[in-house]
Protein backbone atom coordinates (compact mmCIF):
# COMPACT_ATOMS: atom_id res chain seq x y z
CA MET A 1 46.10 -4.99 -59.55
CA ALA A 2 48.91 -5.35 -62.07
CA GLY A 3 48.29 -6.95 -65.47
CA THR A 4 51.30 -9.24 -64.97
CA ILE A 5 52.44 -10.78 -61.70
CA ILE A 6 55.88 -12.37 -61.31
CA THR A 7 56.37 -14.53 -58.23
CA VAL A 8 59.87 -15.63 -57.18
CA ASN A 9 59.42 -19.17 -55.85
CA ASN A 10 61.60 -20.60 -53.10
CA ASN A 11 64.19 -22.99 -54.56
CA GLY A 12 62.72 -22.74 -58.02
CA SER A 13 61.29 -20.84 -60.91
CA LEU A 14 59.82 -17.44 -61.61
CA ARG A 15 56.05 -17.83 -61.95
CA VAL A 16 54.66 -15.38 -64.52
CA GLU A 17 50.90 -14.93 -64.71
CA GLY A 18 48.46 -12.54 -66.28
CA ASP A 19 48.73 -10.65 -69.55
CA PHE A 20 52.28 -10.98 -70.91
CA GLU A 21 54.41 -12.02 -73.86
CA ILE A 22 57.88 -13.54 -73.89
CA ARG A 23 60.41 -12.75 -76.61
CA ASP A 24 63.78 -14.27 -77.51
CA LYS A 25 66.97 -12.22 -77.95
CA ASP A 26 65.96 -11.35 -81.52
CA GLY A 27 62.50 -10.13 -80.53
CA ASN A 28 60.64 -13.23 -81.74
CA LEU A 29 57.61 -14.22 -79.68
CA TYR A 30 57.43 -17.62 -77.99
CA ASP A 31 54.15 -19.38 -78.80
CA LEU A 32 52.67 -19.83 -75.34
CA GLY A 33 49.65 -21.72 -76.64
CA GLY A 34 47.19 -19.34 -74.96
CA ARG A 35 48.70 -19.80 -71.51
CA THR A 36 48.29 -17.04 -68.94
CA LEU A 37 50.70 -18.72 -66.50
CA VAL A 38 54.22 -20.09 -67.15
CA SER A 39 57.27 -20.81 -65.01
CA ILE A 40 60.66 -19.45 -66.07
CA CYS A 41 63.85 -21.35 -65.18
CA ARG A 42 66.25 -19.65 -62.74
CA CYS A 43 68.65 -22.53 -62.10
CA GLY A 44 69.91 -23.11 -65.65
CA LEU A 45 69.26 -26.88 -65.49
CA SER A 46 66.01 -27.03 -67.50
CA GLN A 47 66.04 -28.87 -70.81
CA ASN A 48 63.16 -26.61 -71.86
CA LYS A 49 64.77 -23.17 -71.27
CA PRO A 50 63.67 -20.52 -70.76
CA PHE A 51 60.80 -22.49 -69.22
CA CYS A 52 61.08 -24.54 -66.03
CA ASP A 53 60.85 -28.33 -66.28
CA GLY A 54 61.45 -29.08 -62.59
CA SER A 55 65.15 -30.00 -63.00
CA HIS A 56 66.03 -27.63 -60.14
CA LYS A 57 64.59 -29.94 -57.49
CA GLY A 58 67.37 -30.74 -55.03
CA HIS A 59 69.93 -28.70 -57.02
CA PHE A 60 68.98 -25.07 -56.43
CA GLU A 61 68.51 -23.22 -53.16
CA HIS A 62 67.17 -19.73 -52.78
CA GLU A 63 64.76 -18.42 -50.16
CA ALA A 64 62.60 -15.84 -51.89
CA LYS A 65 62.22 -12.83 -49.59
CA ALA A 66 61.32 -9.39 -50.90
CA PHE A 67 63.68 -6.48 -50.21
CA ALA A 68 64.18 -2.91 -51.36
CA LEU A 69 66.75 -2.22 -54.07
CA PRO A 70 69.27 0.54 -53.39
CA PRO A 71 68.44 3.94 -54.89
CA LYS A 72 68.90 4.28 -58.65
CA LYS A 73 72.20 5.77 -59.72
CA THR A 74 71.89 9.19 -61.28
CA PRO A 75 74.22 10.32 -64.05
């Protein structure tokens, strides 16, 4: 089992659980207050970015279905 699991939720956030850290663009750690589960905003409407605050409800549609990425490009 992986140390970190990311679940893409239908019509909503990315659920991140397990052993992880989240950094800003400058490499500074967010203080997660000991949490081992957070939800990351995908819709851009959250007032608490990068974390989800539920603002997406009724404003963001995406059915989360897994698929295979195309092969990696080789130089």
